[in-house]
Amino acid sequence: MTPRAYALFFLFLACSVVLGWLAYRLAARFGGQRARKAAILPFSAGFGAFYLIGHKFGIGIGPQVELLGFQVPLFGDLAIGFTAAMIAALLQMAVVSVRRRAR
């Protein structure tokens, strides 16, 4: 991989961390877990969505912009990454609340 490809990878990694943290905080505001380790699942889901949609399947949703020498549908990828992170945070919140009620 070229240095530009690594830079793009780390940019999307940073975006997934930010979007996962945002989804984690939104879910925590509405009754989700507040422990820091609970943020790992939304981070991972956001990055997994970036990987599957953009790299593995090559699906481009939305307009493409040039980023580090690559044509990237950045806004569509960010929307999909945030959606995946939010779904993971909400599912995690639902599972935890069901487990709390079972006790």
PDB file of N, CA and C in Angstrom:
ATOM      1  N   MET A   1       0.840  -1.182   0.000  1.00  0.00           N
ATOM      2  CA  MET A   1       0.000   0.000   0.000  1.00  0.00           C
ATOM      3  C   MET A   1       0.882   1.241   0.000  1.00  0.00           C
ATOM      4  N   THR A   2       0.388   2.239  -0.643  1.00  0.00           N
ATOM      5  CA  THR A   2       1.109   3.501  -0.708  1.00  0.00           C
ATOM      6  C   THR A   2       0.856   4.320   0.560  1.00  0.00           C
ATOM      7  N   PRO A   3       1.692   5.310   0.812  1.00  0.00           N
ATOM      8  CA  PRO A   3       1.452   6.168   1.985  1.00  0.00           C
ATOM      9  C   PRO A   3       0.085   6.864   1.934  1.00  0.00           C
ATOM     10  N   ARG A   4      -0.388   7.201   0.741  1.00  0.00           N
ATOM     11  CA  ARG A   4      -1.714   7.824   0.633  1.00  0.00           C
ATOM     12  C   ARG A   4      -2.814   6.856   1.053  1.00  0.00           C
ATOM     13  N   ALA A   5      -2.656   5.598   0.705  1.00  0.00           N
ATOM     14  CA  ALA A   5      -3.656   4.598   1.092  1.00  0.00           C
ATOM     15  C   ALA A   5      -3.663   4.426   2.613  1.00  0.00           C
ATOM     16  N   TYR A   6      -2.489   4.420   3.223  1.00  0.00           N
ATOM     17  CA  TYR A   6      -2.427   4.352   4.685  1.00  0.00           C
ATOM     18  C   TYR A   6      -3.060   5.579   5.320  1.00  0.00           C
ATOM     19  N   ALA A   7      -2.797   6.744   4.736  1.00  0.00           N
ATOM     20  CA  ALA A   7      -3.391   7.968   5.269  1.00  0.00           C
ATOM     21  C   ALA A   7      -4.911   7.927   5.171  1.00  0.00           C
ATOM     22  N   LEU A   8      -5.435   7.419   4.061  1.00  0.00           N
ATOM     23  CA  LEU A   8      -6.883   7.295   3.904  1.00  0.00           C
ATOM     24  C   LEU A   8      -7.454   6.293   4.905  1.00  0.00           C
ATOM     25  N   PHE A   9      -6.740   5.197   5.111  1.00  0.00           N
ATOM     26  CA  PHE A   9      -7.160   4.197   6.092  1.00  0.00           C
ATOM     27  C   PHE A   9      -7.255   4.813   7.486  1.00  0.00           C
ATOM     28  N   PHE A  10      -6.219   5.541   7.881  1.00  0.00           N
ATOM     29  CA  PHE A  10      -6.231   6.134   9.222  1.00  0.00           C
ATOM     30  C   PHE A  10      -7.239   7.275   9.334  1.00  0.00           C
ATOM     31  N   LEU A  11      -7.519   7.947   8.227  1.00  0.00           N
ATOM     32  CA  LEU A  11      -8.566   8.966   8.246  1.00  0.00           C
ATOM     33  C   LEU A  11      -9.925   8.324   8.513  1.00  0.00           C
ATOM     34  N   PHE A  12     -10.213   7.226   7.830  1.00  0.00           N
ATOM     35  CA  PHE A  12     -11.476   6.536   8.067  1.00  0.00           C
ATOM     36  C   PHE A  12     -11.510   5.885   9.445  1.00  0.00           C
ATOM     37  N   LEU A  13     -10.370   5.457   9.939  1.00  0.00           N
ATOM     38  CA  LEU A  13     -10.316   4.934  11.304  1.00  0.00           C
ATOM     39  C   LEU A  13     -10.658   6.035  12.303  1.00  0.00           C
ATOM     40  N   ALA A  14     -10.090   7.214  12.097  1.00  0.00           N
ATOM     41  CA  ALA A  14     -10.394   8.344  12.983  1.00  0.00           C
ATOM     42  C   ALA A  14     -11.863   8.743  12.865  1.00  0.00           C
ATOM     43  N   CYS A  15     -12.398   8.726  11.648  1.00  0.00           N
ATOM     44  CA  CYS A  15     -13.824   9.046  11.466  1.00  0.00           C
ATOM     45  C   CYS A  15     -14.706   8.036  12.178  1.00  0.00           C
ATOM     46  N   SER A  16     -14.337   6.762  12.130  1.00  0.00           N
ATOM     47  CA  SER A  16     -15.149   5.750  12.804  1.00  0.00           C
ATOM     48  C   SER A  16     -15.086   5.912  14.314  1.00  0.00           C
ATOM     49  N   VAL A  17     -13.941   6.333  14.837  1.00  0.00           N
ATOM     50  CA  VAL A  17     -13.832   6.573  16.273  1.00  0.00           C
ATOM     51  C   VAL A  17     -14.730   7.741  16.681  1.00  0.00           C
ATOM     52  N   VAL A  18     -14.692   8.821  15.916  1.00  0.00           N
ATOM     53  CA  VAL A  18     -15.515   9.995  16.234  1.00  0.00           C
ATOM     54  C   VAL A  18     -17.000   9.665  16.113  1.00  0.00           C
ATOM     55  N   LEU A  19     -17.386   9.000  15.040  1.00  0.00           N
ATOM     56  CA  LEU A  19     -18.798   8.653  14.852  1.00  0.00           C
ATOM     57  C   LEU A  19     -19.265   7.625  15.873  1.00  0.00           C
ATOM     58  N   GLY A  20     -18.403   6.670  16.214  1.00  0.00           N
ATOM     59  CA  GLY A  20     -18.750   5.693  17.240  1.00  0.00           C
ATOM     60  C   GLY A  20     -18.894   6.338  18.604  1.00  0.00           C
ATOM     61  N   TRP A  21     -18.012   7.297  18.916  1.00  0.00           N
ATOM     62  CA  TRP A  21     -18.117   8.006  20.185  1.00  0.00           C
ATOM     63  C   TRP A  21     -19.405   8.814  20.245  1.00  0.00           C
ATOM     64  N   LEU A  22     -19.771   9.454  19.124  1.00  0.00           N
ATOM     65  CA  LEU A  22     -21.009  10.226  19.078  1.00  0.00           C
ATOM     66  C   LEU A  22     -22.225   9.320  19.281  1.00  0.00           C
ATOM     67  N   ALA A  23     -22.243   8.172  18.628  1.00  0.00           N
ATOM     68  CA  ALA A  23     -23.348   7.225  18.794  1.00  0.00           C
ATOM     69  C   ALA A  23     -23.403   6.702  20.230  1.00  0.00           C
ATOM     70  N   TYR A  24     -22.245   6.424  20.801  1.00  0.00           N
ATOM     71  CA  TYR A  24     -22.162   5.965  22.194  1.00  0.00           C
ATOM     72  C   TYR A  24     -22.717   7.010  23.143  1.00  0.00           C
ATOM     73  N   ARG A  25     -22.363   8.272  22.948  1.00  0.00           N
ATOM     74  CA  ARG A  25     -22.840   9.344  23.819  1.00  0.00           C
ATOM     75  C   ARG A  25     -24.344   9.561  23.664  1.00  0.00           C
ATOM     76  N   LEU A  26     -24.854   9.474  22.433  1.00  0.00           N
ATOM     77  CA  LEU A  26     -26.300   9.611  22.229  1.00  0.00           C
ATOM     78  C   LEU A  26     -27.060   8.478  22.901  1.00  0.00           C
ATOM     79  N   ALA A  27     -26.560   7.269  22.765  1.00  0.00           N
ATOM     80  CA  ALA A  27     -27.218   6.133  23.411  1.00  0.00           C
ATOM     81  C   ALA A  27     -27.126   6.245  24.932  1.00  0.00           C
ATOM     82  N   ALA A  28     -26.010   6.734  25.447  1.00  0.00           N
ATOM     83  CA  ALA A  28     -25.864   6.900  26.899  1.00  0.00           C
ATOM     84  C   ALA A  28     -26.830   7.956  27.424  1.00  0.00           C
ATOM     85  N   ARG A  29     -27.077   8.956  26.627  1.00  0.00           N
ATOM     86  CA  ARG A  29     -28.018  10.003  27.041  1.00  0.00           C
ATOM     87  C   ARG A  29     -29.432   9.454  27.188  1.00  0.00           C
ATOM     88  N   PHE A  30     -29.775   8.436  26.396  1.00  0.00           N
ATOM     89  CA  PHE A  30     -31.123   7.870  26.436  1.00  0.00           C
ATOM     90  C   PHE A  30     -31.187   6.556  27.198  1.00  0.00           C
ATOM     91  N   GLY A  31     -30.276   6.354  28.128  1.00  0.00           N
ATOM     92  CA  GLY A  31     -30.350   5.192  29.000  1.00  0.00           C
ATOM     93  C   GLY A  31     -29.374   4.085  28.691  1.00  0.00           C
ATOM     94  N   GLY A  32     -28.474   4.286  27.766  1.00  0.00           N
ATOM     95  CA  GLY A  32     -27.486   3.262  27.441  1.00  0.00           C
ATOM     96  C   GLY A  32     -26.366   3.225  28.459  1.00  0.00           C
ATOM     97  N   GLN A  33     -25.419   2.354  28.214  1.00  0.00           N
ATOM     98  CA  GLN A  33     -24.290   2.210  29.126  1.00  0.00           C
ATOM     99  C   GLN A  33     -23.413   3.454  29.096  1.00  0.00           C
ATOM    100  N   ARG A  34     -22.855   3.766  30.249  1.00  0.00           N
ATOM    101  CA  ARG A  34     -21.966   4.923  30.345  1.00  0.00           C
ATOM    102  C   ARG A  34     -20.503   4.514  30.518  1.00  0.00           C
ATOM    103  N   ALA A  35     -20.249   3.234  30.667  1.00  0.00           N
ATOM    104  CA  ALA A  35     -18.870   2.762  30.819  1.00  0.00           C
ATOM    105  C   ALA A  35     -18.105   2.978  29.514  1.00  0.00           C
ATOM    106  N   ARG A  36     -16.839   3.322  29.639  1.00  0.00           N
ATOM    107  CA  ARG A  36     -16.037   3.606  28.438  1.00  0.00           C
ATOM    108  C   ARG A  36     -15.879   2.394  27.551  1.00  0.00           C
ATOM    109  N   LYS A  37     -15.845   1.222  28.132  1.00  0.00           N
ATOM    110  CA  LYS A  37     -15.669   0.026  27.311  1.00  0.00           C
ATOM    111  C   LYS A  37     -16.895  -0.242  26.436  1.00  0.00           C
ATOM    112  N   ALA A  38     -18.018   0.374  26.754  1.00  0.00           N
ATOM    113  CA  ALA A  38     -19.225   0.200  25.939  1.00  0.00           C
ATOM    114  C   ALA A  38     -19.114   0.917  24.602  1.00  0.00           C
ATOM    115  N   ALA A  39     -18.136   1.795  24.457  1.00  0.00           N
ATOM    116  CA  ALA A  39     -17.957   2.525  23.204  1.00  0.00           C
ATOM    117  C   ALA A  39     -17.250   1.692  22.137  1.00  0.00           C
ATOM    118  N   ILE A  40     -16.681   0.571  22.505  1.00  0.00           N
ATOM    119  CA  ILE A  40     -15.923  -0.245  21.560  1.00  0.00           C
ATOM    120  C   ILE A  40     -16.817  -0.802  20.461  1.00  0.00           C
ATOM    121  N   LEU A  41     -18.001  -1.264  20.807  1.00  0.00           N
ATOM    122  CA  LEU A  41     -18.900  -1.841  19.806  1.00  0.00           C
ATOM    123  C   LEU A  41     -19.330  -0.817  18.752  1.00  0.00           C
ATOM    124  N   PRO A  42     -19.762   0.393  19.122  1.00  0.00           N
ATOM    125  CA  PRO A  42     -20.088   1.376  18.077  1.00  0.00           C
ATOM    126  C   PRO A  42     -18.884   1.763  17.215  1.00  0.00           C
ATOM    127  N   PHE A  43     -17.685   1.872  17.820  1.00  0.00           N
ATOM    128  CA  PHE A  43     -16.486   2.156  17.028  1.00  0.00           C
ATOM    129  C   PHE A  43     -16.288   1.072  15.981  1.00  0.00           C
ATOM    130  N   SER A  44     -16.359  -0.160  16.434  1.00  0.00           N
ATOM    131  CA  SER A  44     -16.123  -1.295  15.546  1.00  0.00           C
ATOM    132  C   SER A  44     -17.179  -1.396  14.458  1.00  0.00           C
ATOM    133  N   ALA A  45     -18.421  -1.135  14.800  1.00  0.00           N
ATOM    134  CA  ALA A  45     -19.490  -1.203  13.802  1.00  0.00           C
ATOM    135  C   ALA A  45     -19.321  -0.117  12.748  1.00  0.00           C
ATOM    136  N   GLY A  46     -18.940   1.079  13.166  1.00  0.00           N
ATOM    137  CA  GLY A  46     -18.708   2.159  12.209  1.00  0.00           C
ATOM    138  C   GLY A  46     -17.567   1.830  11.266  1.00  0.00           C
ATOM    139  N   PHE A  47     -16.462   1.320  11.801  1.00  0.00           N
ATOM    140  CA  PHE A  47     -15.333   0.972  10.952  1.00  0.00           C
ATOM    141  C   PHE A  47     -15.659  -0.222  10.063  1.00  0.00           C
ATOM    142  N   GLY A  48     -16.395  -1.181  10.605  1.00  0.00           N
ATOM    143  CA  GLY A  48     -16.797  -2.330   9.783  1.00  0.00           C
ATOM    144  C   GLY A  48     -17.675  -1.916   8.619  1.00  0.00           C
ATOM    145  N   ALA A  49     -18.544  -0.953   8.849  1.00  0.00           N
ATOM    146  CA  ALA A  49     -19.382  -0.452   7.756  1.00  0.00           C
ATOM    147  C   ALA A  49     -18.531   0.246   6.708  1.00  0.00           C
ATOM    148  N   PHE A  50     -17.542   1.052   7.154  1.00  0.00           N
ATOM    149  CA  PHE A  50     -16.633   1.691   6.198  1.00  0.00           C
ATOM    150  C   PHE A  50     -15.909   0.640   5.366  1.00  0.00           C
ATOM    151  N   TYR A  51     -15.438  -0.398   6.033  1.00  0.00           N
ATOM    152  CA  TYR A  51     -14.684  -1.440   5.335  1.00  0.00           C
ATOM    153  C   TYR A  51     -15.570  -2.195   4.354  1.00  0.00           C
ATOM    154  N   LEU A  52     -16.723  -2.651   4.816  1.00  0.00           N
ATOM    155  CA  LEU A  52     -17.579  -3.460   3.945  1.00  0.00           C
ATOM    156  C   LEU A  52     -18.122  -2.665   2.757  1.00  0.00           C
ATOM    157  N   ILE A  53     -18.656  -1.489   3.019  1.00  0.00           N
ATOM    158  CA  ILE A  53     -19.288  -0.718   1.957  1.00  0.00           C
ATOM    159  C   ILE A  53     -18.248  -0.180   0.983  1.00  0.00           C
ATOM    160  N   GLY A  54     -17.225   0.468   1.502  1.00  0.00           N
ATOM    161  CA  GLY A  54     -16.268   1.134   0.631  1.00  0.00           C
ATOM    162  C   GLY A  54     -15.229   0.223   0.022  1.00  0.00           C
ATOM    163  N   HIS A  55     -14.641  -0.624   0.830  1.00  0.00           N
ATOM    164  CA  HIS A  55     -13.507  -1.402   0.346  1.00  0.00           C
ATOM    165  C   HIS A  55     -13.906  -2.766  -0.202  1.00  0.00           C
ATOM    166  N   LYS A  56     -14.641  -3.511   0.572  1.00  0.00           N
ATOM    167  CA  LYS A  56     -14.959  -4.884   0.184  1.00  0.00           C
ATOM    168  C   LYS A  56     -15.952  -4.950  -0.973  1.00  0.00           C
ATOM    169  N   PHE A  57     -17.063  -4.211  -0.845  1.00  0.00           N
ATOM    170  CA  PHE A  57     -18.102  -4.264  -1.876  1.00  0.00           C
ATOM    171  C   PHE A  57     -17.923  -3.191  -2.941  1.00  0.00           C
ATOM    172  N   GLY A  58     -17.180  -2.147  -2.646  1.00  0.00           N
ATOM    173  CA  GLY A  58     -16.944  -1.084  -3.617  1.00  0.00           C
ATOM    174  C   GLY A  58     -18.180  -0.259  -3.945  1.00  0.00           C
ATOM    175  N   ILE A  59     -19.102  -0.183  -3.021  1.00  0.00           N
ATOM    176  CA  ILE A  59     -20.333   0.567  -3.243  1.00  0.00           C
ATOM    177  C   ILE A  59     -20.063   2.032  -2.911  1.00  0.00           C
ATOM    178  N   GLY A  60     -20.437   2.903  -3.814  1.00  0.00           N
ATOM    179  CA  GLY A  60     -20.294   4.332  -3.578  1.00  0.00           C
ATOM    180  C   GLY A  60     -21.659   4.985  -3.513  1.00  0.00           C
ATOM    181  N   ILE A  61     -21.995   5.542  -2.382  1.00  0.00           N
ATOM    182  CA  ILE A  61     -23.295   6.176  -2.212  1.00  0.00           C
ATOM    183  C   ILE A  61     -23.065   7.674  -2.053  1.00  0.00           C
ATOM    184  N   GLY A  62     -23.661   8.441  -2.919  1.00  0.00           N
ATOM    185  CA  GLY A  62     -23.530   9.887  -2.846  1.00  0.00           C
ATOM    186  C   GLY A  62     -22.430  10.404  -3.759  1.00  0.00           C
ATOM    187  N   PRO A  63     -22.249  11.711  -3.742  1.00  0.00           N
ATOM    188  CA  PRO A  63     -21.226  12.310  -4.601  1.00  0.00           C
ATOM    189  C   PRO A  63     -19.822  11.973  -4.122  1.00  0.00           C
ATOM    190  N   GLN A  64     -18.911  11.858  -5.075  1.00  0.00           N
ATOM    191  CA  GLN A  64     -17.541  11.528  -4.729  1.00  0.00           C
ATOM    192  C   GLN A  64     -16.686  12.789  -4.681  1.00  0.00           C
ATOM    193  N   VAL A  65     -15.770  12.808  -3.750  1.00  0.00           N
ATOM    194  CA  VAL A  65     -14.812  13.894  -3.632  1.00  0.00           C
ATOM    195  C   VAL A  65     -13.412  13.294  -3.714  1.00  0.00           C
ATOM    196  N   GLU A  66     -12.465  14.089  -4.183  1.00  0.00           N
ATOM    197  CA  GLU A  66     -11.092  13.605  -4.226  1.00  0.00           C
ATOM    198  C   GLU A  66     -10.463  13.810  -2.852  1.00  0.00           C
ATOM    199  N   LEU A  67      -9.943  12.730  -2.319  1.00  0.00           N
ATOM    200  CA  LEU A  67      -9.365  12.754  -0.987  1.00  0.00           C
ATOM    201  C   LEU A  67      -8.080  11.950  -1.007  1.00  0.00           C
ATOM    202  N   LEU A  68      -6.970  12.625  -0.831  1.00  0.00           N
ATOM    203  CA  LEU A  68      -5.653  11.988  -0.810  1.00  0.00           C
ATOM    204  C   LEU A  68      -5.370  11.204  -2.094  1.00  0.00           C
ATOM    205  N   GLY A  69      -5.851  11.704  -3.205  1.00  0.00           N
ATOM    206  CA  GLY A  69      -5.618  11.063  -4.492  1.00  0.00           C
ATOM    207  C   GLY A  69      -6.613   9.980  -4.860  1.00  0.00           C
ATOM    208  N   PHE A  70      -7.632   9.767  -4.056  1.00  0.00           N
ATOM    209  CA  PHE A  70      -8.655   8.753  -4.315  1.00  0.00           C
ATOM    210  C   PHE A  70     -10.007   9.437  -4.464  1.00  0.00           C
ATOM    211  N   GLN A  71     -10.864   8.858  -5.271  1.00  0.00           N
ATOM    212  CA  GLN A  71     -12.245   9.316  -5.381  1.00  0.00           C
ATOM    213  C   GLN A  71     -13.051   8.575  -4.322  1.00  0.00           C
ATOM    214  N   VAL A  72     -13.561   9.316  -3.355  1.00  0.00           N
ATOM    215  CA  VAL A  72     -14.222   8.716  -2.201  1.00  0.00           C
ATOM    216  C   VAL A  72     -15.598   9.339  -2.029  1.00  0.00           C
ATOM    217  N   PRO A  73     -16.650   8.510  -1.908  1.00  0.00           N
ATOM    218  CA  PRO A  73     -17.975   9.060  -1.580  1.00  0.00           C
ATOM    219  C   PRO A  73     -18.051   9.344  -0.079  1.00  0.00           C
ATOM    220  N   LEU A  74     -17.367  10.374   0.345  1.00  0.00           N
ATOM    221  CA  LEU A  74     -17.137  10.643   1.760  1.00  0.00           C
ATOM    222  C   LEU A  74     -18.427  10.839   2.545  1.00  0.00           C
ATOM    223  N   PHE A  75     -19.332  11.643   2.042  1.00  0.00           N
ATOM    224  CA  PHE A  75     -20.548  11.946   2.798  1.00  0.00           C
ATOM    225  C   PHE A  75     -21.447  10.725   2.942  1.00  0.00           C
ATOM    226  N   GLY A  76     -21.557   9.931   1.892  1.00  0.00           N
ATOM    227  CA  GLY A  76     -22.339   8.697   1.985  1.00  0.00           C
ATOM    228  C   GLY A  76     -21.699   7.699   2.929  1.00  0.00           C
ATOM    229  N   ASP A  77     -20.371   7.593   2.875  1.00  0.00           N
ATOM    230  CA  ASP A  77     -19.663   6.682   3.773  1.00  0.00           C
ATOM    231  C   ASP A  77     -19.823   7.104   5.231  1.00  0.00           C
ATOM    232  N   LEU A  78     -19.730   8.402   5.483  1.00  0.00           N
ATOM    233  CA  LEU A  78     -19.901   8.884   6.852  1.00  0.00           C
ATOM    234  C   LEU A  78     -21.315   8.628   7.359  1.00  0.00           C
ATOM    235  N   ALA A  79     -22.301   8.816   6.494  1.00  0.00           N
ATOM    236  CA  ALA A  79     -23.691   8.553   6.891  1.00  0.00           C
ATOM    237  C   ALA A  79     -23.899   7.072   7.194  1.00  0.00           C
ATOM    238  N   ILE A  80     -23.341   6.218   6.371  1.00  0.00           N
ATOM    239  CA  ILE A  80     -23.475   4.774   6.590  1.00  0.00           C
ATOM    240  C   ILE A  80     -22.718   4.354   7.855  1.00  0.00           C
ATOM    241  N   GLY A  81     -21.526   4.894   8.059  1.00  0.00           N
ATOM    242  CA  GLY A  81     -20.749   4.573   9.258  1.00  0.00           C
ATOM    243  C   GLY A  81     -21.458   5.003  10.530  1.00  0.00           C
ATOM    244  N   PHE A  82     -22.038   6.211  10.516  1.00  0.00           N
ATOM    245  CA  PHE A  82     -22.756   6.675  11.697  1.00  0.00           C
ATOM    246  C   PHE A  82     -24.009   5.840  11.936  1.00  0.00           C
ATOM    247  N   THR A  83     -24.712   5.482  10.867  1.00  0.00           N
ATOM    248  CA  THR A  83     -25.907   4.648  11.009  1.00  0.00           C
ATOM    249  C   THR A  83     -25.555   3.298  11.625  1.00  0.00           C
ATOM    250  N   ALA A  84     -24.475   2.690  11.146  1.00  0.00           N
ATOM    251  CA  ALA A  84     -24.056   1.399  11.699  1.00  0.00           C
ATOM    252  C   ALA A  84     -23.639   1.535  13.158  1.00  0.00           C
ATOM    253  N   ALA A  85     -22.925   2.602  13.488  1.00  0.00           N
ATOM    254  CA  ALA A  85     -22.508   2.820  14.880  1.00  0.00           C
ATOM    255  C   ALA A  85     -23.713   3.060  15.780  1.00  0.00           C
ATOM    256  N   MET A  86     -24.690   3.804  15.286  1.00  0.00           N
ATOM    257  CA  MET A  86     -25.886   4.088  16.086  1.00  0.00           C
ATOM    258  C   MET A  86     -26.711   2.825  16.291  1.00  0.00           C
ATOM    259  N   ILE A  87     -26.844   2.017  15.256  1.00  0.00           N
ATOM    260  CA  ILE A  87     -27.574   0.752  15.386  1.00  0.00           C
ATOM    261  C   ILE A  87     -26.888  -0.147  16.416  1.00  0.00           C
ATOM    262  N   ALA A  88     -25.561  -0.217  16.361  1.00  0.00           N
ATOM    263  CA  ALA A  88     -24.828  -1.041  17.328  1.00  0.00           C
ATOM    264  C   ALA A  88     -25.014  -0.516  18.748  1.00  0.00           C
ATOM    265  N   ALA A  89     -24.959   0.801  18.924  1.00  0.00           N
ATOM    266  CA  ALA A  89     -25.142   1.379  20.261  1.00  0.00           C
ATOM    267  C   ALA A  89     -26.550   1.125  20.786  1.00  0.00           C
ATOM    268  N   LEU A  90     -27.550   1.247  19.923  1.00  0.00           N
ATOM    269  CA  LEU A  90     -28.932   1.009  20.352  1.00  0.00           C
ATOM    270  C   LEU A  90     -29.190  -0.463  20.649  1.00  0.00           C
ATOM    271  N   LEU A  91     -28.619  -1.352  19.848  1.00  0.00           N
ATOM    272  CA  LEU A  91     -28.752  -2.784  20.131  1.00  0.00           C
ATOM    273  C   LEU A  91     -28.063  -3.144  21.447  1.00  0.00           C
ATOM    274  N   GLN A  92     -26.916  -2.561  21.666  1.00  0.00           N
ATOM    275  CA  GLN A  92     -26.214  -2.794  22.927  1.00  0.00           C
ATOM    276  C   GLN A  92     -27.036  -2.285  24.098  1.00  0.00           C
ATOM    277  N   MET A  93     -27.656  -1.133  23.941  1.00  0.00           N
ATOM    278  CA  MET A  93     -28.505  -0.577  24.986  1.00  0.00           C
ATOM    279  C   MET A  93     -29.694  -1.492  25.249  1.00  0.00           C
ATOM    280  N   ALA A  94     -30.297  -2.033  24.195  1.00  0.00           N
ATOM    281  CA  ALA A  94     -31.451  -2.917  24.354  1.00  0.00           C
ATOM    282  C   ALA A  94     -31.060  -4.214  25.056  1.00  0.00           C
ATOM    283  N   VAL A  95     -29.934  -4.788  24.677  1.00  0.00           N
ATOM    284  CA  VAL A  95     -29.490  -6.043  25.295  1.00  0.00           C
ATOM    285  C   VAL A  95     -29.197  -5.831  26.779  1.00  0.00           C
ATOM    286  N   VAL A  96     -28.544  -4.738  27.103  1.00  0.00           N
ATOM    287  CA  VAL A  96     -28.217  -4.465  28.505  1.00  0.00           C
ATOM    288  C   VAL A  96     -29.484  -4.237  29.319  1.00  0.00           C
ATOM    289  N   SER A  97     -30.451  -3.526  28.759  1.00  0.00           N
ATOM    290  CA  SER A  97     -31.685  -3.277  29.517  1.00  0.00           C
ATOM    291  C   SER A  97     -32.481  -4.563  29.714  1.00  0.00           C
ATOM    292  N   VAL A  98     -32.475  -5.462  28.749  1.00  0.00           N
ATOM    293  CA  VAL A  98     -33.163  -6.748  28.902  1.00  0.00           C
ATOM    294  C   VAL A  98     -32.461  -7.585  29.974  1.00  0.00           C
ATOM    295  N   ARG A  99     -31.145  -7.569  29.970  1.00  0.00           N
ATOM    296  CA  ARG A  99     -30.396  -8.329  30.981  1.00  0.00           C
ATOM    297  C   ARG A  99     -30.615  -7.764  32.379  1.00  0.00           C
ATOM    298  N   ARG A 100     -30.735  -6.443  32.474  1.00  0.00           N
ATOM    299  CA  ARG A 100     -31.000  -5.836  33.792  1.00  0.00           C
ATOM    300  C   ARG A 100     -32.371  -6.210  34.302  1.00  0.00           C
ATOM    301  N   ARG A 101     -33.350  -6.254  33.418  1.00  0.00           N
ATOM    302  CA  ARG A 101     -34.714  -6.625  33.830  1.00  0.00           C
ATOM    303  C   ARG A 101     -34.791  -8.094  34.230  1.00  0.00           C
ATOM    304  N   ALA A 102     -33.987  -8.929  33.597  1.00  0.00           N
ATOM    305  CA  ALA A 102     -34.010 -10.360  33.910  1.00  0.00           C
ATOM    306  C   ALA A 102     -33.484 -10.648  35.298  1.00  0.00           C
ATOM    307  N   ARG A 103     -32.653  -9.783  35.814  1.00  0.00           N
ATOM    308  CA  ARG A 103     -32.094  -9.980  37.162  1.00  0.00           C
ATOM    309  C   ARG A 103     -33.114  -9.587  38.132  1.00  0.00           C
TER     310      ARG A 103
END
